[in-house]
C-alpha atoms as a PDB file:
ATOM      1  CA  MET A   1      -0.170   0.020   0.106  1.00  0.00           C
ATOM      2  CA  LYS A   2       1.248   3.282  -0.727  1.00  0.00           C
ATOM      3  CA  LEU A   3       0.795   6.139   1.368  1.00  0.00           C
ATOM      4  CA  VAL A   4       1.914  10.129   1.703  1.00  0.00           C
ATOM      5  CA  LEU A   5       3.047  10.789   5.534  1.00  0.00           C
ATOM      6  CA  THR A   6       1.191  13.710   6.624  1.00  0.00           C
ATOM      7  CA  GLN A   7       3.199  13.637  10.202  1.00  0.00           C
ATOM      8  CA  GLU A   8       6.803  12.189  11.353  1.00  0.00           C
ATOM      9  CA  VAL A   9       6.685   8.431  12.228  1.00  0.00           C
ATOM     10  CA  PRO A  10       9.638   7.123  13.894  1.00  0.00           C
ATOM     11  CA  GLY A  11      11.284   4.434  11.808  1.00  0.00           C
ATOM     12  CA  LEU A  12       9.354   4.937   8.638  1.00  0.00           C
ATOM     13  CA  GLY A  13      10.056   8.691   7.393  1.00  0.00           C
ATOM     14  CA  SER A  14       8.905  12.574   7.877  1.00  0.00           C
ATOM     15  CA  PRO A  15       5.966  14.567   6.570  1.00  0.00           C
ATOM     16  CA  GLY A  16       5.913  14.109   2.855  1.00  0.00           C
ATOM     17  CA  ASP A  17       7.480  11.340   2.162  1.00  0.00           C
ATOM     18  CA  ILE A  18       5.849   8.127   0.029  1.00  0.00           C
ATOM     19  CA  VAL A  19       6.115   5.084   1.629  1.00  0.00           C
ATOM     20  CA  ASP A  20       5.210   1.471   0.572  1.00  0.00           C
ATOM     21  CA  VAL A  21       3.820  -0.399   3.920  1.00  0.00           C
ATOM     22  CA  ALA A  22       2.029  -3.319   4.686  1.00  0.00           C
ATOM     23  CA  ASP A  23      -1.976  -3.160   4.049  1.00  0.00           C
ATOM     24  CA  GLY A  24      -2.870  -3.840   7.503  1.00  0.00           C
ATOM     25  CA  TYR A  25      -0.437  -1.364   8.728  1.00  0.00           C
ATOM     26  CA  GLY A  26      -1.699   1.273   6.646  1.00  0.00           C
ATOM     27  CA  ARG A  27      -5.262   0.558   6.861  1.00  0.00           C
ATOM     28  CA  ASN A  28      -5.470  -0.132  10.751  1.00  0.00           C
ATOM     29  CA  TYR A  29      -3.137   2.453  12.056  1.00  0.00           C
ATOM     30  CA  LEU A  30      -1.351   5.114   9.906  1.00  0.00           C
ATOM     31  CA  VAL A  31      -4.627   6.199   7.908  1.00  0.00           C
ATOM     32  CA  PRO A  32      -7.132   6.423  11.014  1.00  0.00           C
ATOM     33  CA  ARG A  33      -4.449   8.281  13.045  1.00  0.00           C
ATOM     34  CA  LYS A  34      -4.116  10.872  10.333  1.00  0.00           C
ATOM     35  CA  TYR A  35      -0.414   9.726  10.105  1.00  0.00           C
ATOM     36  CA  ALA A  36      -0.763   8.969   6.520  1.00  0.00           C
ATOM     37  CA  ILE A  37      -2.977   9.576   3.302  1.00  0.00           C
ATOM     38  CA  LEU A  38      -3.419   7.369   0.379  1.00  0.00           C
ATOM     39  CA  ALA A  39      -0.890   8.135  -2.695  1.00  0.00           C
ATOM     40  CA  THR A  40      -3.129   9.337  -5.351  1.00  0.00           C
ATOM     41  CA  ARG A  41      -2.551  11.815  -8.135  1.00  0.00           C
ATOM     42  CA  GLY A  42      -4.111  14.419  -6.121  1.00  0.00           C
ATOM     43  CA  ALA A  43      -1.805  13.708  -3.296  1.00  0.00           C
ATOM     44  CA  GLU A  44       1.268  14.471  -5.242  1.00  0.00           C
ATOM     45  CA  ARG A  45       0.204  18.427  -4.760  1.00  0.00           C
ATOM     46  CA  GLN A  46      -0.091  17.846  -1.409  1.00  0.00           C
ATOM     47  CA  VAL A  47       3.296  16.202  -0.909  1.00  0.00           C
ATOM     48  CA  ALA A  48       4.573  19.211  -2.772  1.00  0.00           C
ATOM     49  CA  GLN A  49       2.849  21.504  -0.428  1.00  0.00           C
ATOM     50  CA  ILE A  50       3.637  19.385   2.749  1.00  0.00           C
ATOM     51  CA  LYS A  51       7.566  19.523   1.493  1.00  0.00           C
ATOM     52  CA  ARG A  52       7.551  23.423   0.866  1.00  0.00           C
ATOM     53  CA  ALA A  53       6.009  23.626   4.446  1.00  0.00           C
ATOM     54  CA  ARG A  54       8.553  21.426   6.080  1.00  0.00           C
ATOM     55  CA  ASP A  55      11.566  23.295   4.614  1.00  0.00           C
ATOM     56  CA  ALA A  56      10.181  26.661   5.623  1.00  0.00           C
ATOM     57  CA  ARG A  57       9.931  25.469   9.174  1.00  0.00           C
ATOM     58  CA  SER A  58      13.025  23.524   9.277  1.00  0.00           C
ATOM     59  CA  VAL A  59      15.420  26.284   9.632  1.00  0.00           C
ATOM     60  CA  ARG A  60      13.161  27.780  12.541  1.00  0.00           C
ATOM     61  CA  ASP A  61      13.044  24.439  14.267  1.00  0.00           C
ATOM     62  CA  LEU A  62      16.843  23.615  13.888  1.00  0.00           C
ATOM     63  CA  ASP A  63      17.363  27.284  15.703  1.00  0.00           C
ATOM     64  CA  HIS A  64      14.772  26.148  18.327  1.00  0.00           C
ATOM     65  CA  ALA A  65      15.747  22.587  18.837  1.00  0.00           C
ATOM     66  CA  LYS A  66      19.613  24.134  19.685  1.00  0.00           C
ATOM     67  CA  GLU A  67      17.796  26.621  21.854  1.00  0.00           C
ATOM     68  CA  ILE A  68      16.009  23.689  23.712  1.00  0.00           C
ATOM     69  CA  ALA A  69      18.772  21.423  23.958  1.00  0.00           C
ATOM     70  CA  GLY A  70      20.674  24.120  25.818  1.00  0.00           C
ATOM     71  CA  GLN A  71      18.076  24.455  28.285  1.00  0.00           C
ATOM     72  CA  LEU A  72      18.075  20.809  28.772  1.00  0.00           C
ATOM     73  CA  ALA A  73      21.884  20.559  28.886  1.00  0.00           C
ATOM     74  CA  GLY A  74      21.959  22.833  32.202  1.00  0.00           C
ATOM     75  CA  LEU A  75      18.710  20.943  33.846  1.00  0.00           C
ATOM     76  CA  SER A  76      18.959  18.819  36.889  1.00  0.00           C
ATOM     77  CA  VAL A  77      15.993  16.540  36.600  1.00  0.00           C
ATOM     78  CA  ARG A  78      14.994  14.477  40.010  1.00  0.00           C
ATOM     79  CA  LEU A  79      12.768  12.052  39.910  1.00  0.00           C
ATOM     80  CA  THR A  80      11.132  10.365  43.177  1.00  0.00           C
ATOM     81  CA  SER A  81       9.795   6.880  42.908  1.00  0.00           C
ATOM     82  CA  ARG A  82       8.790   3.816  45.402  1.00  0.00           C
ATOM     83  CA  ALA A  83      11.673   1.685  45.875  1.00  0.00           C
ATOM     84  CA  GLY A  84      12.799  -1.660  47.595  1.00  0.00           C
ATOM     85  CA  LYS A  85      15.641  -2.305  50.280  1.00  0.00           C
ATOM     86  CA  GLU A  86      18.518  -3.069  47.149  1.00  0.00           C
ATOM     87  CA  GLY A  87      17.427   0.128  45.251  1.00  0.00           C
ATOM     88  CA  ARG A  88      14.881  -1.464  42.806  1.00  0.00           C
ATOM     89  CA  LEU A  89      11.769   0.591  41.812  1.00  0.00           C
ATOM     90  CA  PHE A  90       8.553  -0.885  42.159  1.00  0.00           C
ATOM     91  CA  GLY A  91       7.643  -0.798  38.716  1.00  0.00           C
ATOM     92  CA  SER A  92       9.487   1.615  36.116  1.00  0.00           C
ATOM     93  CA  VAL A  93      10.007   5.093  35.164  1.00  0.00           C
ATOM     94  CA  THR A  94       8.376   6.058  31.635  1.00  0.00           C
ATOM     95  CA  ALA A  95       8.645   8.552  29.202  1.00  0.00           C
ATOM     96  CA  ALA A  96       5.754  10.328  30.648  1.00  0.00           C
ATOM     97  CA  ASP A  97       7.112  10.704  33.968  1.00  0.00           C
ATOM     98  CA  VAL A  98      10.570  11.732  32.661  1.00  0.00           C
ATOM     99  CA  VAL A  99       8.236  14.799  30.521  1.00  0.00           C
ATOM    100  CA  ALA A 100       6.523  15.441  33.937  1.00  0.00           C
ATOM    101  CA  ALA A 101       9.758  15.642  35.731  1.00  0.00           C
ATOM    102  CA  VAL A 102      11.521  18.032  33.212  1.00  0.00           C
ATOM    103  CA  THR A 103       8.575  20.329  33.465  1.00  0.00           C
ATOM    104  CA  GLU A 104       8.565  20.221  37.137  1.00  0.00           C
ATOM    105  CA  ALA A 105      12.261  21.504  37.124  1.00  0.00           C
ATOM    106  CA  GLY A 106      11.475  24.200  35.097  1.00  0.00           C
ATOM    107  CA  GLY A 107      12.196  22.945  31.459  1.00  0.00           C
ATOM    108  CA  PRO A 108      10.692  23.020  28.510  1.00  0.00           C
ATOM    109  CA  ALA A 109       7.326  20.997  27.266  1.00  0.00           C
ATOM    110  CA  LEU A 110       8.512  18.012  25.679  1.00  0.00           C
ATOM    111  CA  ASP A 111       6.802  15.703  23.894  1.00  0.00           C
ATOM    112  CA  ARG A 112       6.684  12.001  25.391  1.00  0.00           C
ATOM    113  CA  ARG A 113       6.998  10.359  22.230  1.00  0.00           C
ATOM    114  CA  ARG A 114      10.532  12.577  21.483  1.00  0.00           C
ATOM    115  CA  VAL A 115      11.797  10.805  24.798  1.00  0.00           C
ATOM    116  CA  GLU A 116      14.111   7.496  24.031  1.00  0.00           C
ATOM    117  CA  LEU A 117      14.843   5.607  26.764  1.00  0.00           C
ATOM    118  CA  SER A 118      17.226   2.356  25.492  1.00  0.00           C
ATOM    119  CA  THR A 119      16.077   0.553  28.294  1.00  0.00           C
ATOM    120  CA  PRO A 120      12.951   0.988  31.320  1.00  0.00           C
ATOM    121  CA  ILE A 121      14.608   2.543  34.174  1.00  0.00           C
ATOM    122  CA  LYS A 122      13.957   0.218  37.090  1.00  0.00           C
ATOM    123  CA  ALA A 123      16.671   1.190  39.708  1.00  0.00           C
ATOM    124  CA  LEU A 124      17.410   4.186  41.701  1.00  0.00           C
ATOM    125  CA  GLY A 125      20.582   6.078  40.487  1.00  0.00           C
ATOM    126  CA  SER A 126      21.627   8.529  37.742  1.00  0.00           C
ATOM    127  CA  HIS A 127      20.281   7.835  34.185  1.00  0.00           C
ATOM    128  CA  SER A 128      20.799   9.328  30.930  1.00  0.00           C
ATOM    129  CA  VAL A 129      17.792   9.768  28.966  1.00  0.00           C
ATOM    130  CA  SER A 130      17.922  10.720  24.937  1.00  0.00           C
ATOM    131  CA  VAL A 131      15.514  13.488  23.654  1.00  0.00           C
ATOM    132  CA  HIS A 132      15.020  13.655  19.824  1.00  0.00           C
ATOM    133  CA  LEU A 133      14.358  17.345  19.188  1.00  0.00           C
ATOM    134  CA  HIS A 134      15.153  17.371  15.588  1.00  0.00           C
ATOM    135  CA  PRO A 135      16.406  14.782  12.999  1.00  0.00           C
ATOM    136  CA  GLU A 136      19.885  16.674  13.511  1.00  0.00           C
ATOM    137  CA  ILE A 137      19.688  17.533  17.082  1.00  0.00           C
ATOM    138  CA  THR A 138      19.652  14.664  20.212  1.00  0.00           C
ATOM    139  CA  ALA A 139      19.831  16.269  23.588  1.00  0.00           C
ATOM    140  CA  LYS A 140      20.796  14.183  26.621  1.00  0.00           C
ATOM    141  CA  VAL A 141      18.995  14.687  29.813  1.00  0.00           C
ATOM    142  CA  SER A 142      20.551  13.251  33.259  1.00  0.00           C
ATOM    143  CA  VAL A 143      17.710  12.112  35.323  1.00  0.00           C
ATOM    144  CA  GLN A 144      18.174  11.275  39.114  1.00  0.00           C
ATOM    145  CA  VAL A 145      16.010   8.450  40.115  1.00  0.00           C
ATOM    146  CA  VAL A 146      15.646   8.762  44.330  1.00  0.00           C
ATOM    147  CA  ALA A 147      13.307   6.928  46.622  1.00  0.00           C
ATOM    148  CA  ALA A 148      10.308   8.317  48.002  1.00  0.00           C
END
């Protein structure tokens, strides 16, 4: 199934890209969530329009992403969670928890889908979390997990 992406889909492409995906993935996930539209002749004009808008935003977004990365670099994020005696958490720290802690610490508002946890955080201590702000810029945030 050929689709035109209208939003960025991790691992698949960015807005305006024409991708070939499995029928079920396109029909049941991408199209209903408005991440993509069917690739038709009329959609080609939309692709050109989406790419022009993306190019116009990319310069502004790159500068804005650098600014946010600078804010995140100087931020100390502290997250409290319930833990057992050996320092193991009851549950784990999610991307949404990290976003809430960054906002609470006075940092910028982030999208939880941009926060990448390589492995779930299940222990107390200091952990490094990646935040994809722009295709060219990835910021690292140090998160200190302490017992409640």
